[in-house]
Amino acid sequence: MLQTAVRPLSAIDAIFTRRSVRSYSPQRLDRPTVQSLLDAAVQAPTAMHLEPWRFVVIQDRAALKRFSEVVKGHWGAEAPKYRELHAEGADDAGRLFAERFASPDFNVFYDAGTLILVCAKPQGPFVAADCWLAAENLMLAASALGLGTCCIGSAIAALNTSAIKAALGVPADVEIVVPIIVGVPADEQPSPCTRKEPQILSWR
């Protein structure tokens, strides 16, 4: 069984130590570990008790590599639409991102051994929010266990094409909302990152 943190972190510690990890060891997550993350995910708040989320787990490395190539090709065609994501230094950021995707050695999933897709039928205005809440639960649970995660937003459009959904066994009327890679970080202590202070618009 996977050796994770000796003792899970508290919720506050998990929140403040969670990082987007983009370098993973080859160690494979076992089924009970992945199941524990899914169990945490479905404890998320859900509008009207709908619990819309469904999950796809991919651990076949050949499949992950194949899907990575599909995502890279799809993103190359879509990237110009998302220049505004890099508001500051847009040209440099966009160029570096494009160069990375053009590299044959680059894996969109950063060679993580597990990809979890949070999915749902797009029924109602709160389904996507429910899925993102479930994703955050999953990521915090992973952080508490000493695992790394990263949302791969650039993969969403490609993964939702009919061909990829069919290959993954995802019904046509189900949308892939959040792709999350999970694994054992290659570095024992991910680099710290900073956040801006909360911007409070009103406090009455």
C-alpha atoms as a PDB file:
ATOM      1  CA  MET A   1       0.000   0.000   0.000  1.00  0.00           C
ATOM      2  CA  LEU A   2       1.087   3.550  -0.696  1.00  0.00           C
ATOM      3  CA  GLN A   3       3.068   5.160   2.098  1.00  0.00           C
ATOM      4  CA  THR A   4       1.599   8.613   2.655  1.00  0.00           C
ATOM      5  CA  ALA A   5       1.856  11.042   5.535  1.00  0.00           C
ATOM      6  CA  VAL A   6       2.182   9.245   8.883  1.00  0.00           C
ATOM      7  CA  ARG A   7      -0.629  11.368  10.252  1.00  0.00           C
ATOM      8  CA  PRO A   8      -3.034  13.357   8.069  1.00  0.00           C
ATOM      9  CA  LEU A   9      -2.763  17.118   8.350  1.00  0.00           C
ATOM     10  CA  SER A  10      -5.487  19.210   9.934  1.00  0.00           C
ATOM     11  CA  ALA A  11      -7.901  20.938   7.566  1.00  0.00           C
ATOM     12  CA  ILE A  12      -6.194  24.305   8.088  1.00  0.00           C
ATOM     13  CA  ASP A  13      -2.726  22.829   7.526  1.00  0.00           C
ATOM     14  CA  ALA A  14      -3.915  21.070   4.377  1.00  0.00           C
ATOM     15  CA  ILE A  15      -5.325  24.340   3.030  1.00  0.00           C
ATOM     16  CA  PHE A  16      -2.149  26.305   3.660  1.00  0.00           C
ATOM     17  CA  THR A  17       0.274  23.617   2.455  1.00  0.00           C
ATOM     18  CA  ARG A  18      -1.590  22.568  -0.699  1.00  0.00           C
ATOM     19  CA  ARG A  19       0.334  23.383  -3.852  1.00  0.00           C
ATOM     20  CA  SER A  20      -0.124  22.709  -7.552  1.00  0.00           C
ATOM     21  CA  VAL A  21       2.457  19.976  -8.088  1.00  0.00           C
ATOM     22  CA  ARG A  22       3.967  19.505 -11.545  1.00  0.00           C
ATOM     23  CA  SER A  23       6.669  16.931 -10.837  1.00  0.00           C
ATOM     24  CA  TYR A  24       5.867  13.410  -9.689  1.00  0.00           C
ATOM     25  CA  SER A  25       7.676  10.268  -8.629  1.00  0.00           C
ATOM     26  CA  PRO A  26       6.894   7.039 -10.505  1.00  0.00           C
ATOM     27  CA  GLN A  27       5.212   5.575  -7.395  1.00  0.00           C
ATOM     28  CA  ARG A  28       1.691   4.369  -8.232  1.00  0.00           C
ATOM     29  CA  LEU A  29      -1.326   5.174  -6.095  1.00  0.00           C
ATOM     30  CA  ASP A  30      -3.174   2.065  -4.986  1.00  0.00           C
ATOM     31  CA  ARG A  31      -6.922   1.647  -5.261  1.00  0.00           C
ATOM     32  CA  PRO A  32      -7.720   2.231  -1.554  1.00  0.00           C
ATOM     33  CA  THR A  33      -5.841   5.552  -1.642  1.00  0.00           C
ATOM     34  CA  VAL A  34      -7.717   6.735  -4.730  1.00  0.00           C
ATOM     35  CA  GLN A  35     -10.984   5.552  -3.208  1.00  0.00           C
ATOM     36  CA  SER A  36     -10.284   7.560  -0.057  1.00  0.00           C
ATOM     37  CA  LEU A  37      -9.878  10.688  -2.183  1.00  0.00           C
ATOM     38  CA  LEU A  38     -13.173  10.029  -3.965  1.00  0.00           C
ATOM     39  CA  ASP A  39     -14.868   9.446  -0.610  1.00  0.00           C
ATOM     40  CA  ALA A  40     -13.621  12.874   0.502  1.00  0.00           C
ATOM     41  CA  ALA A  41     -14.765  14.472  -2.760  1.00  0.00           C
ATOM     42  CA  VAL A  42     -18.387  13.401  -2.343  1.00  0.00           C
ATOM     43  CA  GLN A  43     -18.568  15.010   1.101  1.00  0.00           C
ATOM     44  CA  ALA A  44     -18.566  18.405  -0.626  1.00  0.00           C
ATOM     45  CA  PRO A  45     -21.524  20.782  -0.373  1.00  0.00           C
ATOM     46  CA  THR A  46     -24.057  20.259  -3.130  1.00  0.00           C
ATOM     47  CA  ALA A  47     -26.914  22.483  -4.252  1.00  0.00           C
ATOM     48  CA  MET A  48     -30.345  20.982  -3.515  1.00  0.00           C
ATOM     49  CA  HIS A  49     -28.644  17.726  -2.477  1.00  0.00           C
ATOM     50  CA  LEU A  50     -28.268  16.867  -6.144  1.00  0.00           C
ATOM     51  CA  GLU A  51     -24.807  15.227  -5.771  1.00  0.00           C
ATOM     52  CA  PRO A  52     -24.326  15.417  -9.555  1.00  0.00           C
ATOM     53  CA  TRP A  53     -20.700  14.344  -9.682  1.00  0.00           C
ATOM     54  CA  ARG A  54     -19.416  11.214 -11.378  1.00  0.00           C
ATOM     55  CA  PHE A  55     -15.766  10.201 -11.655  1.00  0.00           C
ATOM     56  CA  VAL A  56     -13.373   8.666 -14.148  1.00  0.00           C
ATOM     57  CA  VAL A  57     -10.016   7.354 -12.895  1.00  0.00           C
ATOM     58  CA  ILE A  58      -7.208   6.800 -15.398  1.00  0.00           C
ATOM     59  CA  GLN A  59      -3.972   5.110 -14.301  1.00  0.00           C
ATOM     60  CA  ASP A  60      -2.918   3.472 -17.554  1.00  0.00           C
ATOM     61  CA  ARG A  61       0.264   5.376 -18.435  1.00  0.00           C
ATOM     62  CA  ALA A  62       0.017   4.621 -22.149  1.00  0.00           C
ATOM     63  CA  ALA A  63      -3.500   6.061 -22.174  1.00  0.00           C
ATOM     64  CA  LEU A  64      -2.381   9.118 -20.215  1.00  0.00           C
ATOM     65  CA  LYS A  65       0.390   9.732 -22.732  1.00  0.00           C
ATOM     66  CA  ARG A  66      -2.006   9.294 -25.634  1.00  0.00           C
ATOM     67  CA  PHE A  67      -4.539  11.699 -24.144  1.00  0.00           C
ATOM     68  CA  SER A  68      -1.746  14.176 -23.434  1.00  0.00           C
ATOM     69  CA  GLU A  69      -0.881  14.273 -27.139  1.00  0.00           C
ATOM     70  CA  VAL A  70      -4.525  14.838 -28.044  1.00  0.00           C
ATOM     71  CA  VAL A  71      -4.783  17.696 -25.541  1.00  0.00           C
ATOM     72  CA  LYS A  72      -1.615  19.327 -26.880  1.00  0.00           C
ATOM     73  CA  GLY A  73      -2.926  19.250 -30.426  1.00  0.00           C
ATOM     74  CA  HIS A  74      -6.318  20.584 -29.411  1.00  0.00           C
ATOM     75  CA  TRP A  75      -4.868  23.345 -27.231  1.00  0.00           C
ATOM     76  CA  GLY A  76      -2.638  24.513 -30.054  1.00  0.00           C
ATOM     77  CA  ALA A  77      -5.740  25.344 -32.055  1.00  0.00           C
ATOM     78  CA  GLU A  78      -7.613  26.879 -29.120  1.00  0.00           C
ATOM     79  CA  ALA A  79      -4.831  28.821 -27.365  1.00  0.00           C
ATOM     80  CA  PRO A  80      -5.372  32.181 -29.113  1.00  0.00           C
ATOM     81  CA  LYS A  81      -8.786  32.398 -27.422  1.00  0.00           C
ATOM     82  CA  TYR A  82      -7.172  32.468 -23.988  1.00  0.00           C
ATOM     83  CA  ARG A  83      -4.584  35.203 -24.259  1.00  0.00           C
ATOM     84  CA  GLU A  84      -6.427  37.218 -21.623  1.00  0.00           C
ATOM     85  CA  LEU A  85      -5.505  34.577 -19.026  1.00  0.00           C
ATOM     86  CA  HIS A  86      -2.019  36.126 -18.994  1.00  0.00           C
ATOM     87  CA  ALA A  87      -3.016  39.748 -18.530  1.00  0.00           C
ATOM     88  CA  GLU A  88       0.418  40.806 -17.305  1.00  0.00           C
ATOM     89  CA  GLY A  89       3.272  39.834 -19.620  1.00  0.00           C
ATOM     90  CA  ALA A  90       0.765  38.157 -21.927  1.00  0.00           C
ATOM     91  CA  ASP A  91       3.117  37.815 -24.881  1.00  0.00           C
ATOM     92  CA  ASP A  92       5.938  36.185 -22.907  1.00  0.00           C
ATOM     93  CA  ALA A  93       3.625  33.901 -20.950  1.00  0.00           C
ATOM     94  CA  GLY A  94       1.739  32.865 -24.054  1.00  0.00           C
ATOM     95  CA  ARG A  95       4.947  32.208 -25.981  1.00  0.00           C
ATOM     96  CA  LEU A  96       6.459  30.085 -23.208  1.00  0.00           C
ATOM     97  CA  PHE A  97       3.222  28.138 -22.831  1.00  0.00           C
ATOM     98  CA  ALA A  98       3.085  27.509 -26.581  1.00  0.00           C
ATOM     99  CA  GLU A  99       6.721  26.380 -26.635  1.00  0.00           C
ATOM    100  CA  ARG A 100       6.083  23.945 -23.820  1.00  0.00           C
ATOM    101  CA  PHE A 101       3.080  22.454 -25.586  1.00  0.00           C
ATOM    102  CA  ALA A 102       5.066  22.155 -28.815  1.00  0.00           C
ATOM    103  CA  SER A 103       7.759  20.060 -27.151  1.00  0.00           C
ATOM    104  CA  PRO A 104       7.388  16.334 -27.919  1.00  0.00           C
ATOM    105  CA  ASP A 105       8.696  15.562 -24.427  1.00  0.00           C
ATOM    106  CA  PHE A 106       6.094  17.619 -22.595  1.00  0.00           C
ATOM    107  CA  ASN A 107       3.307  15.671 -20.903  1.00  0.00           C
ATOM    108  CA  VAL A 108       0.209  17.740 -20.150  1.00  0.00           C
ATOM    109  CA  PHE A 109      -0.345  15.551 -17.088  1.00  0.00           C
ATOM    110  CA  TYR A 110       3.237  16.032 -15.861  1.00  0.00           C
ATOM    111  CA  ASP A 111       3.868  12.263 -15.786  1.00  0.00           C
ATOM    112  CA  ALA A 112       1.546  11.845 -12.808  1.00  0.00           C
ATOM    113  CA  GLY A 113       0.316   8.273 -12.537  1.00  0.00           C
ATOM    114  CA  THR A 114      -3.329   9.094 -11.824  1.00  0.00           C
ATOM    115  CA  LEU A 115      -5.812  11.380 -13.552  1.00  0.00           C
ATOM    116  CA  ILE A 116      -9.215  11.852 -11.928  1.00  0.00           C
ATOM    117  CA  LEU A 117     -12.005  13.472 -13.915  1.00  0.00           C
ATOM    118  CA  VAL A 118     -14.907  15.025 -12.048  1.00  0.00           C
ATOM    119  CA  CYS A 119     -17.912  14.848 -14.354  1.00  0.00           C
ATOM    120  CA  ALA A 120     -21.625  15.612 -14.340  1.00  0.00           C
ATOM    121  CA  LYS A 121     -24.643  16.079 -16.551  1.00  0.00           C
ATOM    122  CA  PRO A 122     -25.066  19.836 -17.100  1.00  0.00           C
ATOM    123  CA  GLN A 123     -28.448  19.986 -15.356  1.00  0.00           C
ATOM    124  CA  GLY A 124     -29.094  23.256 -13.588  1.00  0.00           C
ATOM    125  CA  PRO A 125     -26.987  26.314 -12.796  1.00  0.00           C
ATOM    126  CA  PHE A 126     -25.053  24.863  -9.850  1.00  0.00           C
ATOM    127  CA  VAL A 127     -23.720  21.573 -11.213  1.00  0.00           C
ATOM    128  CA  ALA A 128     -20.314  22.934 -12.237  1.00  0.00           C
ATOM    129  CA  ALA A 129     -19.939  24.625  -8.845  1.00  0.00           C
ATOM    130  CA  ASP A 130     -20.729  21.330  -7.123  1.00  0.00           C
ATOM    131  CA  CYS A 131     -18.025  19.592  -9.162  1.00  0.00           C
ATOM    132  CA  TRP A 132     -15.429  22.230  -8.313  1.00  0.00           C
ATOM    133  CA  LEU A 133     -16.310  21.948  -4.624  1.00  0.00           C
ATOM    134  CA  ALA A 134     -15.837  18.179  -4.858  1.00  0.00           C
ATOM    135  CA  ALA A 135     -12.515  18.770  -6.616  1.00  0.00           C
ATOM    136  CA  GLU A 136     -11.318  21.042  -3.820  1.00  0.00           C
ATOM    137  CA  ASN A 137     -12.259  18.418  -1.223  1.00  0.00           C
ATOM    138  CA  LEU A 138     -10.280  15.842  -3.187  1.00  0.00           C
ATOM    139  CA  MET A 139      -7.228  18.085  -3.454  1.00  0.00           C
ATOM    140  CA  LEU A 140      -7.250  18.988   0.236  1.00  0.00           C
ATOM    141  CA  ALA A 141      -7.603  15.335   1.197  1.00  0.00           C
ATOM    142  CA  ALA A 142      -4.634  14.534  -1.033  1.00  0.00           C
ATOM    143  CA  SER A 143      -2.630  17.343   0.565  1.00  0.00           C
ATOM    144  CA  ALA A 144      -3.453  15.994   4.031  1.00  0.00           C
ATOM    145  CA  LEU A 145      -2.077  12.603   2.971  1.00  0.00           C
ATOM    146  CA  GLY A 146       1.150  14.071   1.591  1.00  0.00           C
ATOM    147  CA  LEU A 147       0.115  13.709  -2.043  1.00  0.00           C
ATOM    148  CA  GLY A 148       0.336  16.276  -4.814  1.00  0.00           C
ATOM    149  CA  THR A 149      -2.412  17.421  -7.163  1.00  0.00           C
ATOM    150  CA  CYS A 150      -2.904  19.877  -9.996  1.00  0.00           C
ATOM    151  CA  CYS A 151      -5.968  20.918 -11.984  1.00  0.00           C
ATOM    152  CA  ILE A 152      -5.257  20.663 -15.706  1.00  0.00           C
ATOM    153  CA  GLY A 153      -7.601  23.277 -17.121  1.00  0.00           C
ATOM    154  CA  SER A 154      -5.966  23.177 -20.539  1.00  0.00           C
ATOM    155  CA  ALA A 155      -7.248  19.603 -20.965  1.00  0.00           C
ATOM    156  CA  ILE A 156     -10.956  20.306 -20.422  1.00  0.00           C
ATOM    157  CA  ALA A 157     -11.937  21.140 -23.998  1.00  0.00           C
ATOM    158  CA  ALA A 158     -10.064  18.224 -25.566  1.00  0.00           C
ATOM    159  CA  LEU A 159     -11.315  15.716 -23.015  1.00  0.00           C
ATOM    160  CA  ASN A 160     -14.886  16.778 -23.795  1.00  0.00           C
ATOM    161  CA  THR A 161     -14.645  15.941 -27.474  1.00  0.00           C
ATOM    162  CA  SER A 162     -16.891  13.079 -28.508  1.00  0.00           C
ATOM    163  CA  ALA A 163     -13.990  10.805 -29.449  1.00  0.00           C
ATOM    164  CA  ILE A 164     -12.209  11.144 -26.101  1.00  0.00           C
ATOM    165  CA  LYS A 165     -15.416  10.801 -24.094  1.00  0.00           C
ATOM    166  CA  ALA A 166     -16.235   7.635 -26.011  1.00  0.00           C
ATOM    167  CA  ALA A 167     -12.743   6.261 -25.340  1.00  0.00           C
ATOM    168  CA  LEU A 168     -13.172   7.008 -21.625  1.00  0.00           C
ATOM    169  CA  GLY A 169     -16.640   5.538 -21.382  1.00  0.00           C
ATOM    170  CA  VAL A 170     -18.188   8.928 -20.591  1.00  0.00           C
ATOM    171  CA  PRO A 171     -21.767   9.243 -21.895  1.00  0.00           C
ATOM    172  CA  ALA A 172     -22.408  11.939 -24.491  1.00  0.00           C
ATOM    173  CA  ASP A 173     -24.710  13.849 -22.127  1.00  0.00           C
ATOM    174  CA  VAL A 174     -22.087  14.013 -19.352  1.00  0.00           C
ATOM    175  CA  GLU A 175     -19.544  16.842 -19.204  1.00  0.00           C
ATOM    176  CA  ILE A 176     -16.005  16.537 -17.874  1.00  0.00           C
ATOM    177  CA  VAL A 177     -15.778  19.512 -15.526  1.00  0.00           C
ATOM    178  CA  VAL A 178     -12.496  19.143 -13.612  1.00  0.00           C
ATOM    179  CA  PRO A 179      -9.414  17.093 -14.595  1.00  0.00           C
ATOM    180  CA  ILE A 180      -7.076  16.589 -11.608  1.00  0.00           C
ATOM    181  CA  ILE A 181      -3.746  14.793 -11.620  1.00  0.00           C
ATOM    182  CA  VAL A 182      -2.703  13.086  -8.382  1.00  0.00           C
ATOM    183  CA  GLY A 183       0.507  11.446  -7.279  1.00  0.00           C
ATOM    184  CA  VAL A 184       3.488  11.370  -4.989  1.00  0.00           C
ATOM    185  CA  PRO A 185       5.478  14.608  -5.427  1.00  0.00           C
ATOM    186  CA  ALA A 186       9.000  14.157  -6.753  1.00  0.00           C
ATOM    187  CA  ASP A 187      10.157  16.814  -4.297  1.00  0.00           C
ATOM    188  CA  GLU A 188       9.469  16.157  -0.620  1.00  0.00           C
ATOM    189  CA  GLN A 189       8.527  19.782   0.033  1.00  0.00           C
ATOM    190  CA  PRO A 190       6.801  21.626  -2.823  1.00  0.00           C
ATOM    191  CA  SER A 191       7.909  25.206  -3.240  1.00  0.00           C
ATOM    192  CA  PRO A 192       5.912  27.717  -1.199  1.00  0.00           C
ATOM    193  CA  CYS A 193       3.753  30.233  -2.986  1.00  0.00           C
ATOM    194  CA  THR A 194       2.231  33.498  -1.921  1.00  0.00           C
ATOM    195  CA  ARG A 195      -1.288  34.821  -2.206  1.00  0.00           C
ATOM    196  CA  LYS A 196      -2.541  38.374  -2.203  1.00  0.00           C
ATOM    197  CA  GLU A 197      -4.307  39.610   0.902  1.00  0.00           C
ATOM    198  CA  PRO A 198      -8.108  39.220   0.775  1.00  0.00           C
ATOM    199  CA  GLN A 199      -9.627  42.140  -1.130  1.00  0.00           C
ATOM    200  CA  ILE A 200     -12.640  43.146   0.962  1.00  0.00           C
ATOM    201  CA  LEU A 201     -15.145  45.210  -0.977  1.00  0.00           C
ATOM    202  CA  SER A 202     -17.482  45.768   1.931  1.00  0.00           C
ATOM    203  CA  TRP A 203     -17.710  44.857   5.642  1.00  0.00           C
ATOM    204  CA  ARG A 204     -20.813  46.182   7.335  1.00  0.00           C
END
